Amino acid sequence: MTGIVRLDQPPDHRPVLVSLCFLRPHEVRQGQQFDPQPVPEFHRCPPLPQLAERRDPAEIDLWWWPDVNLGASYAEAVEEIKTSLAMAGNHLTRFTTEGKHVPTELLPKMATLAERYAFGEHARPGSANCRLITELGLVDYLADRFAIVGTPAECVKKLERAIEAGARQFWMSIHFDNKFRLIRDFAEQVMPAFRQSG
């Protein structure tokens, strides 16, 4: 999995790149990184070589695609997206972890995740994969890397970091049943922090 979806908009043929999370330029084909720090570097550098030959990177319609959830507590919000976090961790371990900026101390755990990941339970809520990332102590790492999750205040803070680093467009990924609850709560409790007055 590349971590990038490319679409072309017919009216102006402007390429649309949807990143599963924040990426450094050389990570586009190799892995995923939800870390606001690389965003300015990504904007400065063409994410794909073929685009570099034809377009200014500033012309690319770039969207960031994190998992998102709000809850009364960080733990409650994370619990509901564990399935997505397990899936993201699995993608991160496929083929190689080289060049994917996984902390050295987590490499053995990521290797175990790759070995024990149950593809028969992929995308299944409450699966063995959810239990596996909990057992390995990877939940917080994956949530920090791939998600905007927690209380409304925690989500606002993470979005502020991303925006300060240069991200401007976000595509919320929701992989649990009560989607309308999240959309309502996000609109009421997070978005007002980013509305311009007047």
N, C-alpha and C. Protein backbone atom coordinates (compact mmCIF):
# COMPACT_ATOMS: atom_id res chain seq x y z
N MET A 1 0.84 -1.18 0.00
CA MET A 1 0.00 0.00 0.00
C MET A 1 0.88 1.23 0.00
N THR A 2 0.60 2.16 -0.90
CA THR A 2 1.49 3.29 -1.05
C THR A 2 1.21 4.41 -0.06
N GLY A 3 0.00 4.50 0.45
CA GLY A 3 -0.34 5.61 1.31
C GLY A 3 -0.80 6.83 0.55
N ILE A 4 -0.93 6.71 -0.77
CA ILE A 4 -1.36 7.85 -1.58
C ILE A 4 -2.45 7.40 -2.55
N VAL A 5 -3.48 8.21 -2.67
CA VAL A 5 -4.50 8.01 -3.70
C VAL A 5 -4.38 9.19 -4.64
N ARG A 6 -4.30 8.94 -5.93
CA ARG A 6 -4.19 10.04 -6.89
C ARG A 6 -5.45 10.10 -7.73
N LEU A 7 -6.04 11.29 -7.80
CA LEU A 7 -7.21 11.54 -8.62
C LEU A 7 -6.92 12.74 -9.50
N ASP A 8 -7.52 12.81 -10.66
CA ASP A 8 -7.42 13.98 -11.51
C ASP A 8 -8.78 14.63 -11.62
N GLN A 9 -8.83 15.95 -11.43
CA GLN A 9 -10.08 16.68 -11.57
C GLN A 9 -10.18 17.15 -13.02
N PRO A 10 -11.19 16.71 -13.76
CA PRO A 10 -11.30 17.06 -15.18
C PRO A 10 -11.27 18.55 -15.49
N PRO A 11 -11.95 19.44 -14.71
CA PRO A 11 -12.02 20.84 -15.12
C PRO A 11 -10.66 21.50 -15.33
N ASP A 12 -9.72 21.30 -14.41
CA ASP A 12 -8.44 21.97 -14.56
C ASP A 12 -7.27 20.99 -14.57
N HIS A 13 -7.58 19.69 -14.52
CA HIS A 13 -6.55 18.65 -14.54
C HIS A 13 -5.55 18.83 -13.41
N ARG A 14 -6.00 19.38 -12.30
CA ARG A 14 -5.12 19.56 -11.15
C ARG A 14 -5.05 18.25 -10.37
N PRO A 15 -3.87 17.68 -10.18
CA PRO A 15 -3.79 16.41 -9.46
C PRO A 15 -4.19 16.56 -7.99
N VAL A 16 -4.89 15.55 -7.49
CA VAL A 16 -5.30 15.51 -6.10
C VAL A 16 -4.56 14.37 -5.44
N LEU A 17 -3.80 14.67 -4.39
CA LEU A 17 -3.09 13.64 -3.65
C LEU A 17 -3.71 13.55 -2.26
N VAL A 18 -4.14 12.34 -1.88
CA VAL A 18 -4.72 12.12 -0.57
C VAL A 18 -3.76 11.25 0.22
N SER A 19 -3.17 11.84 1.24
CA SER A 19 -2.20 11.12 2.06
C SER A 19 -2.90 10.49 3.25
N LEU A 20 -2.60 9.22 3.52
CA LEU A 20 -3.19 8.56 4.68
C LEU A 20 -2.74 9.21 5.97
N CYS A 21 -1.63 9.88 5.94
CA CYS A 21 -1.12 10.58 7.10
C CYS A 21 0.02 11.47 6.63
N PHE A 22 0.64 12.16 7.52
CA PHE A 22 1.69 13.08 7.11
C PHE A 22 2.92 12.31 6.66
N LEU A 23 3.44 12.67 5.49
CA LEU A 23 4.55 11.95 4.88
C LEU A 23 5.72 12.86 4.60
N ARG A 24 6.90 12.32 4.70
CA ARG A 24 8.06 13.00 4.15
C ARG A 24 8.12 12.63 2.67
N PRO A 25 8.75 13.47 1.84
CA PRO A 25 8.71 13.20 0.39
C PRO A 25 9.15 11.80 0.02
N HIS A 26 10.23 11.30 0.65
CA HIS A 26 10.72 9.99 0.24
C HIS A 26 9.89 8.85 0.82
N GLU A 27 8.89 9.17 1.65
CA GLU A 27 8.05 8.12 2.23
C GLU A 27 6.79 7.86 1.42
N VAL A 28 6.54 8.63 0.39
CA VAL A 28 5.27 8.52 -0.31
C VAL A 28 5.01 7.11 -0.80
N ARG A 29 6.03 6.46 -1.30
CA ARG A 29 5.82 5.10 -1.82
C ARG A 29 6.18 4.03 -0.80
N GLN A 30 6.79 4.42 0.33
CA GLN A 30 7.32 3.41 1.23
C GLN A 30 6.56 3.28 2.54
N GLY A 31 5.87 4.31 2.98
CA GLY A 31 5.23 4.18 4.28
C GLY A 31 4.47 5.43 4.65
N GLN A 32 4.06 5.52 5.89
CA GLN A 32 3.19 6.58 6.33
C GLN A 32 3.69 7.18 7.62
N GLN A 33 3.45 8.48 7.78
CA GLN A 33 3.92 9.17 8.97
C GLN A 33 2.95 10.27 9.34
N PHE A 34 2.25 10.13 10.44
CA PHE A 34 1.35 11.19 10.88
C PHE A 34 2.11 12.05 11.86
N ASP A 35 2.87 12.97 11.33
CA ASP A 35 3.71 13.84 12.15
C ASP A 35 3.74 15.19 11.47
N PRO A 36 3.23 16.23 12.10
CA PRO A 36 3.16 17.53 11.44
C PRO A 36 4.51 18.08 11.00
N GLN A 37 5.59 17.67 11.60
CA GLN A 37 6.89 18.26 11.28
C GLN A 37 7.27 18.13 9.81
N PRO A 38 6.99 17.00 9.14
CA PRO A 38 7.42 16.88 7.73
C PRO A 38 6.59 17.69 6.74
N VAL A 39 5.48 18.27 7.18
CA VAL A 39 4.58 18.89 6.22
C VAL A 39 5.24 19.98 5.39
N PRO A 40 5.97 20.94 5.99
CA PRO A 40 6.60 21.97 5.14
C PRO A 40 7.54 21.37 4.11
N GLU A 41 8.29 20.33 4.50
CA GLU A 41 9.21 19.67 3.57
C GLU A 41 8.42 19.05 2.43
N PHE A 42 7.28 18.46 2.76
CA PHE A 42 6.45 17.83 1.73
C PHE A 42 5.97 18.88 0.73
N HIS A 43 5.57 20.04 1.24
CA HIS A 43 5.08 21.09 0.35
C HIS A 43 6.20 21.64 -0.53
N ARG A 44 7.43 21.61 -0.05
CA ARG A 44 8.53 22.15 -0.84
C ARG A 44 8.97 21.19 -1.93
N CYS A 45 8.75 19.88 -1.70
CA CYS A 45 9.30 18.88 -2.61
C CYS A 45 8.18 18.18 -3.37
N PRO A 46 8.37 17.90 -4.64
CA PRO A 46 7.35 17.15 -5.40
C PRO A 46 7.17 15.76 -4.82
N PRO A 47 5.93 15.38 -4.45
CA PRO A 47 5.72 14.07 -3.86
C PRO A 47 5.90 12.92 -4.82
N LEU A 48 5.75 13.15 -6.11
CA LEU A 48 5.94 12.10 -7.09
C LEU A 48 6.81 12.63 -8.21
N PRO A 49 7.81 11.86 -8.65
CA PRO A 49 8.74 12.34 -9.67
C PRO A 49 8.05 12.81 -10.94
N GLN A 50 7.00 12.08 -11.39
CA GLN A 50 6.36 12.47 -12.64
C GLN A 50 5.68 13.83 -12.52
N LEU A 51 5.22 14.18 -11.31
CA LEU A 51 4.62 15.50 -11.13
C LEU A 51 5.68 16.59 -11.16
N ALA A 52 6.88 16.24 -10.69
CA ALA A 52 7.95 17.22 -10.65
C ALA A 52 8.30 17.72 -12.06
N GLU A 53 8.11 16.87 -13.05
CA GLU A 53 8.44 17.25 -14.42
C GLU A 53 7.40 18.19 -15.02
N ARG A 54 6.17 18.17 -14.47
CA ARG A 54 5.09 18.91 -15.11
C ARG A 54 4.52 20.04 -14.28
N ARG A 55 4.66 19.99 -12.95
CA ARG A 55 3.92 20.93 -12.12
C ARG A 55 4.74 21.45 -10.94
N ASP A 56 4.39 22.66 -10.55
CA ASP A 56 4.88 23.22 -9.30
C ASP A 56 4.16 22.48 -8.16
N PRO A 57 4.90 22.00 -7.15
CA PRO A 57 4.24 21.29 -6.04
C PRO A 57 3.12 22.10 -5.39
N ALA A 58 3.23 23.44 -5.45
CA ALA A 58 2.19 24.27 -4.85
C ALA A 58 0.86 24.13 -5.57
N GLU A 59 0.88 23.60 -6.80
CA GLU A 59 -0.35 23.43 -7.57
C GLU A 59 -1.09 22.14 -7.22
N ILE A 60 -0.45 21.28 -6.45
CA ILE A 60 -1.06 19.99 -6.11
C ILE A 60 -2.10 20.19 -5.00
N ASP A 61 -3.27 19.62 -5.20
CA ASP A 61 -4.33 19.69 -4.20
C ASP A 61 -4.08 18.58 -3.18
N LEU A 62 -3.46 18.93 -2.06
CA LEU A 62 -2.98 17.95 -1.10
C LEU A 62 -3.92 17.85 0.09
N TRP A 63 -4.37 16.62 0.37
CA TRP A 63 -5.26 16.35 1.50
C TRP A 63 -4.58 15.37 2.44
N TRP A 64 -4.79 15.55 3.75
CA TRP A 64 -4.28 14.63 4.78
C TRP A 64 -5.45 13.80 5.29
N TRP A 65 -5.24 12.51 5.42
CA TRP A 65 -6.32 11.55 5.68
C TRP A 65 -6.07 10.78 6.98
N PRO A 66 -6.26 11.40 8.12
CA PRO A 66 -6.07 10.69 9.39
C PRO A 66 -7.34 9.99 9.85
N ASP A 67 -7.18 9.00 10.71
CA ASP A 67 -8.32 8.48 11.45
C ASP A 67 -8.68 9.53 12.49
N VAL A 68 -9.97 9.70 12.74
CA VAL A 68 -10.42 10.74 13.65
C VAL A 68 -11.47 10.16 14.60
N ASN A 69 -11.37 10.54 15.88
CA ASN A 69 -12.44 10.22 16.82
C ASN A 69 -12.33 11.13 18.04
N LEU A 70 -13.49 11.48 18.57
CA LEU A 70 -13.60 12.27 19.79
C LEU A 70 -14.22 11.41 20.87
N GLY A 71 -13.83 11.66 22.11
CA GLY A 71 -14.42 10.96 23.23
C GLY A 71 -14.30 11.79 24.50
N ALA A 72 -14.94 11.31 25.55
CA ALA A 72 -14.84 11.99 26.84
C ALA A 72 -13.43 11.91 27.38
N SER A 73 -12.68 10.90 26.91
CA SER A 73 -11.27 10.74 27.30
C SER A 73 -10.50 10.21 26.10
N TYR A 74 -9.19 10.36 26.16
CA TYR A 74 -8.33 9.82 25.10
C TYR A 74 -8.53 8.30 24.99
N ALA A 75 -8.54 7.61 26.13
CA ALA A 75 -8.66 6.15 26.12
C ALA A 75 -9.96 5.70 25.46
N GLU A 76 -11.05 6.39 25.77
CA GLU A 76 -12.35 6.04 25.18
C GLU A 76 -12.34 6.25 23.67
N ALA A 77 -11.78 7.36 23.24
CA ALA A 77 -11.75 7.66 21.80
C ALA A 77 -10.87 6.68 21.05
N VAL A 78 -9.73 6.33 21.62
CA VAL A 78 -8.81 5.40 20.97
C VAL A 78 -9.41 4.01 20.86
N GLU A 79 -10.10 3.58 21.89
CA GLU A 79 -10.69 2.24 21.90
C GLU A 79 -11.56 2.01 20.67
N GLU A 80 -12.29 3.05 20.26
CA GLU A 80 -13.23 2.91 19.15
C GLU A 80 -12.54 2.84 17.78
N ILE A 81 -11.26 3.26 17.72
CA ILE A 81 -10.55 3.21 16.43
C ILE A 81 -9.40 2.20 16.42
N LYS A 82 -9.38 1.31 17.38
CA LYS A 82 -8.29 0.33 17.44
C LYS A 82 -8.22 -0.53 16.18
N THR A 83 -9.36 -0.83 15.60
CA THR A 83 -9.36 -1.61 14.36
C THR A 83 -8.57 -0.89 13.28
N SER A 84 -8.84 0.40 13.12
CA SER A 84 -8.12 1.20 12.11
C SER A 84 -6.64 1.30 12.43
N LEU A 85 -6.32 1.45 13.71
CA LEU A 85 -4.91 1.55 14.10
C LEU A 85 -4.17 0.25 13.82
N ALA A 86 -4.83 -0.88 14.07
CA ALA A 86 -4.21 -2.17 13.76
C ALA A 86 -3.97 -2.31 12.26
N MET A 87 -4.94 -1.87 11.47
CA MET A 87 -4.78 -1.91 10.01
C MET A 87 -3.61 -1.03 9.57
N ALA A 88 -3.52 0.17 10.14
CA ALA A 88 -2.42 1.07 9.79
C ALA A 88 -1.07 0.47 10.18
N GLY A 89 -1.03 -0.14 11.36
CA GLY A 89 0.22 -0.78 11.79
C GLY A 89 0.61 -1.91 10.87
N ASN A 90 -0.38 -2.67 10.40
CA ASN A 90 -0.10 -3.74 9.46
C ASN A 90 0.48 -3.20 8.16
N HIS A 91 -0.11 -2.15 7.64
CA HIS A 91 0.41 -1.55 6.40
C HIS A 91 1.84 -1.06 6.61
N LEU A 92 2.10 -0.53 7.79
CA LEU A 92 3.44 0.00 8.08
C LEU A 92 4.50 -1.09 8.08
N THR A 93 4.10 -2.32 8.40
CA THR A 93 5.07 -3.42 8.51
C THR A 93 5.23 -4.20 7.21
N ARG A 94 4.38 -3.94 6.23
CA ARG A 94 4.44 -4.74 5.01
C ARG A 94 5.75 -4.53 4.27
N PHE A 95 6.31 -5.60 3.77
CA PHE A 95 7.52 -5.63 2.95
C PHE A 95 8.77 -5.23 3.73
N THR A 96 8.77 -4.03 4.31
CA THR A 96 9.93 -3.58 5.07
C THR A 96 9.52 -2.43 5.97
N THR A 97 10.28 -2.23 7.03
CA THR A 97 10.09 -1.04 7.87
C THR A 97 11.20 -0.03 7.60
N GLU A 98 12.12 -0.37 6.71
CA GLU A 98 13.23 0.53 6.40
C GLU A 98 12.72 1.81 5.75
N GLY A 99 13.23 2.93 6.21
CA GLY A 99 12.85 4.21 5.65
C GLY A 99 11.49 4.71 6.08
N LYS A 100 10.86 4.02 7.03
CA LYS A 100 9.52 4.41 7.46
C LYS A 100 9.53 5.12 8.82
N HIS A 101 10.70 5.41 9.31
CA HIS A 101 10.86 6.21 10.53
C HIS A 101 10.19 5.58 11.75
N VAL A 102 10.26 4.28 11.84
CA VAL A 102 9.80 3.58 13.04
C VAL A 102 10.93 3.67 14.07
N PRO A 103 10.64 4.10 15.28
CA PRO A 103 11.69 4.16 16.30
C PRO A 103 12.37 2.80 16.47
N THR A 104 13.67 2.84 16.63
CA THR A 104 14.46 1.60 16.72
C THR A 104 13.93 0.66 17.79
N GLU A 105 13.54 1.22 18.93
CA GLU A 105 13.09 0.36 20.03
C GLU A 105 11.76 -0.33 19.73
N LEU A 106 11.03 0.15 18.72
CA LEU A 106 9.75 -0.48 18.38
C LEU A 106 9.86 -1.49 17.25
N LEU A 107 11.01 -1.57 16.61
CA LEU A 107 11.15 -2.47 15.47
C LEU A 107 10.84 -3.93 15.80
N PRO A 108 11.31 -4.47 16.94
CA PRO A 108 10.94 -5.86 17.26
C PRO A 108 9.42 -6.05 17.42
N LYS A 109 8.76 -5.07 18.02
CA LYS A 109 7.30 -5.16 18.18
C LYS A 109 6.60 -5.10 16.83
N MET A 110 7.11 -4.24 15.94
CA MET A 110 6.50 -4.15 14.62
C MET A 110 6.70 -5.45 13.84
N ALA A 111 7.86 -6.08 14.04
CA ALA A 111 8.11 -7.36 13.39
C ALA A 111 7.13 -8.42 13.89
N THR A 112 6.85 -8.40 15.20
CA THR A 112 5.88 -9.33 15.77
C THR A 112 4.49 -9.06 15.23
N LEU A 113 4.14 -7.79 15.08
CA LEU A 113 2.84 -7.44 14.50
C LEU A 113 2.71 -8.01 13.09
N ALA A 114 3.77 -7.87 12.31
CA ALA A 114 3.75 -8.40 10.93
C ALA A 114 3.58 -9.91 10.93
N GLU A 115 4.26 -10.59 11.84
CA GLU A 115 4.22 -12.06 11.89
C GLU A 115 2.86 -12.58 12.35
N ARG A 116 2.25 -11.89 13.29
CA ARG A 116 1.04 -12.41 13.93
C ARG A 116 -0.26 -11.77 13.43
N TYR A 117 -0.15 -10.82 12.52
CA TYR A 117 -1.36 -10.14 12.05
C TYR A 117 -2.30 -11.15 11.40
N ALA A 118 -3.57 -11.11 11.83
CA ALA A 118 -4.57 -12.07 11.33
C ALA A 118 -5.34 -11.46 10.18
N PHE A 119 -4.94 -11.80 8.96
CA PHE A 119 -5.60 -11.21 7.80
C PHE A 119 -7.06 -11.63 7.69
N GLY A 120 -7.40 -12.78 8.25
CA GLY A 120 -8.79 -13.22 8.26
C GLY A 120 -9.68 -12.34 9.12
N GLU A 121 -9.07 -11.52 9.99
CA GLU A 121 -9.84 -10.61 10.84
C GLU A 121 -9.55 -9.16 10.51
N HIS A 122 -8.97 -8.93 9.35
CA HIS A 122 -8.67 -7.56 8.92
C HIS A 122 -9.95 -6.72 8.89
N ALA A 123 -9.89 -5.54 9.48
CA ALA A 123 -11.01 -4.58 9.50
C ALA A 123 -12.19 -5.04 10.35
N ARG A 124 -11.99 -6.06 11.18
CA ARG A 124 -13.09 -6.54 12.03
C ARG A 124 -12.98 -5.91 13.41
N PRO A 125 -13.99 -5.17 13.87
CA PRO A 125 -13.93 -4.56 15.21
C PRO A 125 -13.72 -5.60 16.30
N GLY A 126 -12.90 -5.26 17.28
CA GLY A 126 -12.64 -6.16 18.40
C GLY A 126 -11.88 -7.41 18.02
N SER A 127 -11.17 -7.36 16.90
CA SER A 127 -10.48 -8.54 16.38
C SER A 127 -9.23 -8.88 17.19
N ALA A 128 -8.65 -10.03 16.85
CA ALA A 128 -7.38 -10.43 17.45
C ALA A 128 -6.30 -9.39 17.16
N ASN A 129 -6.42 -8.67 16.05
CA ASN A 129 -5.43 -7.65 15.72
C ASN A 129 -5.50 -6.47 16.68
N CYS A 130 -6.71 -6.12 17.10
CA CYS A 130 -6.86 -5.06 18.12
C CYS A 130 -6.19 -5.50 19.42
N ARG A 131 -6.42 -6.75 19.78
CA ARG A 131 -5.82 -7.26 21.01
C ARG A 131 -4.30 -7.33 20.87
N LEU A 132 -3.83 -7.62 19.66
CA LEU A 132 -2.40 -7.75 19.43
C LEU A 132 -1.67 -6.42 19.61
N ILE A 133 -2.20 -5.33 19.03
CA ILE A 133 -1.50 -4.05 19.20
C ILE A 133 -1.55 -3.58 20.66
N THR A 134 -2.60 -4.01 21.39
CA THR A 134 -2.66 -3.69 22.83
C THR A 134 -1.59 -4.49 23.57
N GLU A 135 -1.52 -5.77 23.28
CA GLU A 135 -0.52 -6.65 23.91
C GLU A 135 0.90 -6.15 23.66
N LEU A 136 1.16 -5.67 22.45
CA LEU A 136 2.50 -5.22 22.08
C LEU A 136 2.82 -3.80 22.55
N GLY A 137 1.82 -3.13 23.10
CA GLY A 137 2.04 -1.76 23.57
C GLY A 137 2.22 -0.77 22.43
N LEU A 138 1.54 -1.00 21.31
CA LEU A 138 1.70 -0.15 20.12
C LEU A 138 0.54 0.84 19.93
N VAL A 139 -0.48 0.75 20.75
CA VAL A 139 -1.69 1.56 20.52
C VAL A 139 -1.38 3.05 20.52
N ASP A 140 -0.69 3.54 21.54
CA ASP A 140 -0.42 4.98 21.63
C ASP A 140 0.49 5.45 20.50
N TYR A 141 1.47 4.63 20.14
CA TYR A 141 2.36 5.00 19.03
C TYR A 141 1.57 5.12 17.73
N LEU A 142 0.72 4.14 17.45
CA LEU A 142 -0.06 4.16 16.21
C LEU A 142 -1.08 5.30 16.21
N ALA A 143 -1.67 5.57 17.38
CA ALA A 143 -2.63 6.68 17.47
C ALA A 143 -1.95 8.02 17.23
N ASP A 144 -0.76 8.18 17.78
CA ASP A 144 -0.03 9.43 17.60
C ASP A 144 0.40 9.61 16.15
N ARG A 145 0.74 8.50 15.52
CA ARG A 145 1.27 8.56 14.17
C ARG A 145 0.18 8.66 13.09
N PHE A 146 -0.98 8.05 13.33
CA PHE A 146 -1.98 7.93 12.28
C PHE A 146 -3.32 8.61 12.57
N ALA A 147 -3.47 9.27 13.70
CA ALA A 147 -4.82 9.72 14.06
C ALA A 147 -4.85 11.09 14.71
N ILE A 148 -6.02 11.69 14.61
CA ILE A 148 -6.39 12.84 15.42
C ILE A 148 -7.46 12.30 16.35
N VAL A 149 -7.11 12.06 17.59
CA VAL A 149 -8.01 11.32 18.47
C VAL A 149 -7.84 11.79 19.91
N GLY A 150 -8.95 11.77 20.65
CA GLY A 150 -8.90 12.16 22.05
C GLY A 150 -10.09 13.02 22.41
N THR A 151 -9.91 13.82 23.44
CA THR A 151 -10.95 14.79 23.80
C THR A 151 -10.97 15.89 22.75
N PRO A 152 -12.03 16.68 22.70
CA PRO A 152 -12.04 17.80 21.75
C PRO A 152 -10.81 18.70 21.89
N ALA A 153 -10.40 18.99 23.10
CA ALA A 153 -9.23 19.85 23.32
C ALA A 153 -7.96 19.21 22.76
N GLU A 154 -7.82 17.90 22.94
CA GLU A 154 -6.63 17.20 22.42
C GLU A 154 -6.63 17.21 20.89
N CYS A 155 -7.81 17.04 20.28
CA CYS A 155 -7.89 17.05 18.82
C CYS A 155 -7.59 18.44 18.27
N VAL A 156 -8.08 19.48 18.93
CA VAL A 156 -7.79 20.85 18.52
C VAL A 156 -6.29 21.09 18.56
N LYS A 157 -5.65 20.65 19.62
CA LYS A 157 -4.21 20.86 19.77
C LYS A 157 -3.44 20.18 18.65
N LYS A 158 -3.81 18.94 18.31
CA LYS A 158 -3.09 18.23 17.25
C LYS A 158 -3.33 18.87 15.89
N LEU A 159 -4.55 19.31 15.64
CA LEU A 159 -4.83 20.01 14.39
C LEU A 159 -4.06 21.31 14.31
N GLU A 160 -3.94 22.01 15.41
CA GLU A 160 -3.18 23.26 15.43
C GLU A 160 -1.72 23.01 15.07
N ARG A 161 -1.15 21.94 15.59
CA ARG A 161 0.23 21.59 15.25
C ARG A 161 0.36 21.31 13.75
N ALA A 162 -0.60 20.59 13.21
CA ALA A 162 -0.55 20.25 11.79
C ALA A 162 -0.70 21.49 10.92
N ILE A 163 -1.62 22.36 11.29
CA ILE A 163 -1.85 23.58 10.52
C ILE A 163 -0.63 24.50 10.60
N GLU A 164 -0.06 24.60 11.79
CA GLU A 164 1.15 25.42 11.96
C GLU A 164 2.28 24.92 11.07
N ALA A 165 2.31 23.60 10.85
CA ALA A 165 3.36 23.00 10.03
C ALA A 165 3.06 23.10 8.53
N GLY A 166 1.82 23.48 8.18
CA GLY A 166 1.54 23.68 6.76
C GLY A 166 0.37 22.90 6.19
N ALA A 167 -0.19 21.96 6.93
CA ALA A 167 -1.35 21.21 6.43
C ALA A 167 -2.57 22.10 6.40
N ARG A 168 -3.38 21.96 5.38
CA ARG A 168 -4.54 22.83 5.23
C ARG A 168 -5.85 22.07 4.98
N GLN A 169 -5.78 20.88 4.42
CA GLN A 169 -7.00 20.16 4.06
C GLN A 169 -6.97 18.77 4.69
N PHE A 170 -8.06 18.42 5.36
CA PHE A 170 -8.13 17.15 6.07
C PHE A 170 -9.37 16.37 5.62
N TRP A 171 -9.14 15.09 5.36
CA TRP A 171 -10.22 14.17 4.99
C TRP A 171 -10.37 13.20 6.16
N MET A 172 -11.44 13.36 6.94
CA MET A 172 -11.61 12.52 8.12
C MET A 172 -11.97 11.10 7.72
N SER A 173 -11.23 10.15 8.27
CA SER A 173 -11.49 8.74 8.01
C SER A 173 -12.22 8.16 9.23
N ILE A 174 -13.43 7.65 9.01
CA ILE A 174 -14.26 7.15 10.11
C ILE A 174 -14.58 5.68 9.85
N HIS A 175 -14.08 4.81 10.70
CA HIS A 175 -14.26 3.37 10.49
C HIS A 175 -14.98 2.71 11.67
N PHE A 176 -16.08 3.33 12.09
CA PHE A 176 -16.90 2.70 13.12
C PHE A 176 -18.34 3.11 12.85
N ASP A 177 -19.28 2.45 13.53
CA ASP A 177 -20.69 2.59 13.17
C ASP A 177 -21.28 3.97 13.39
N ASN A 178 -21.00 4.59 14.52
CA ASN A 178 -21.70 5.83 14.88
C ASN A 178 -21.03 7.05 14.25
N LYS A 179 -21.06 7.10 12.93
CA LYS A 179 -20.39 8.18 12.20
C LYS A 179 -21.06 9.53 12.42
N PHE A 180 -22.39 9.53 12.50
CA PHE A 180 -23.09 10.80 12.66
C PHE A 180 -22.76 11.45 14.00
N ARG A 181 -22.56 10.63 15.02
CA ARG A 181 -22.16 11.18 16.33
C ARG A 181 -20.84 11.92 16.21
N LEU A 182 -19.87 11.32 15.53
CA LEU A 182 -18.57 11.97 15.39
C LEU A 182 -18.69 13.26 14.57
N ILE A 183 -19.41 13.20 13.46
CA ILE A 183 -19.55 14.38 12.61
C ILE A 183 -20.20 15.53 13.40
N ARG A 184 -21.23 15.21 14.16
CA ARG A 184 -21.90 16.23 14.98
C ARG A 184 -20.96 16.79 16.05
N ASP A 185 -20.31 15.91 16.78
CA ASP A 185 -19.43 16.36 17.87
C ASP A 185 -18.23 17.15 17.32
N PHE A 186 -17.69 16.69 16.20
CA PHE A 186 -16.56 17.40 15.60
C PHE A 186 -16.98 18.81 15.17
N ALA A 187 -18.17 18.91 14.57
CA ALA A 187 -18.67 20.22 14.12
C ALA A 187 -18.93 21.15 15.30
N GLU A 188 -19.43 20.59 16.39
CA GLU A 188 -19.80 21.42 17.53
C GLU A 188 -18.64 21.71 18.48
N GLN A 189 -17.68 20.77 18.59
CA GLN A 189 -16.67 20.88 19.65
C GLN A 189 -15.25 21.13 19.15
N VAL A 190 -15.00 20.90 17.86
CA VAL A 190 -13.65 21.10 17.33
C VAL A 190 -13.61 22.23 16.30
N MET A 191 -14.51 22.20 15.35
CA MET A 191 -14.47 23.19 14.26
C MET A 191 -14.57 24.64 14.71
N PRO A 192 -15.34 24.94 15.78
CA PRO A 192 -15.40 26.36 16.20
C PRO A 192 -14.03 26.96 16.52
N ALA A 193 -13.09 26.14 16.91
CA ALA A 193 -11.74 26.65 17.23
C ALA A 193 -11.02 27.16 15.99
N PHE A 194 -11.50 26.78 14.81
CA PHE A 194 -10.82 27.14 13.57
C PHE A 194 -11.65 28.07 12.68
N ARG A 195 -12.81 28.46 13.17
CA ARG A 195 -13.63 29.41 12.40
C ARG A 195 -13.10 30.82 12.63
N GLN A 196 -12.95 31.55 11.56
CA GLN A 196 -12.49 32.93 11.67
C GLN A 196 -13.65 33.83 12.05
N SER A 197 -13.39 34.71 12.99
CA SER A 197 -14.46 35.62 13.43
C SER A 197 -14.68 36.69 12.36
N GLY A 198 -15.90 37.22 12.33
CA GLY A 198 -16.24 38.29 11.40
C GLY A 198 -16.51 37.78 10.03
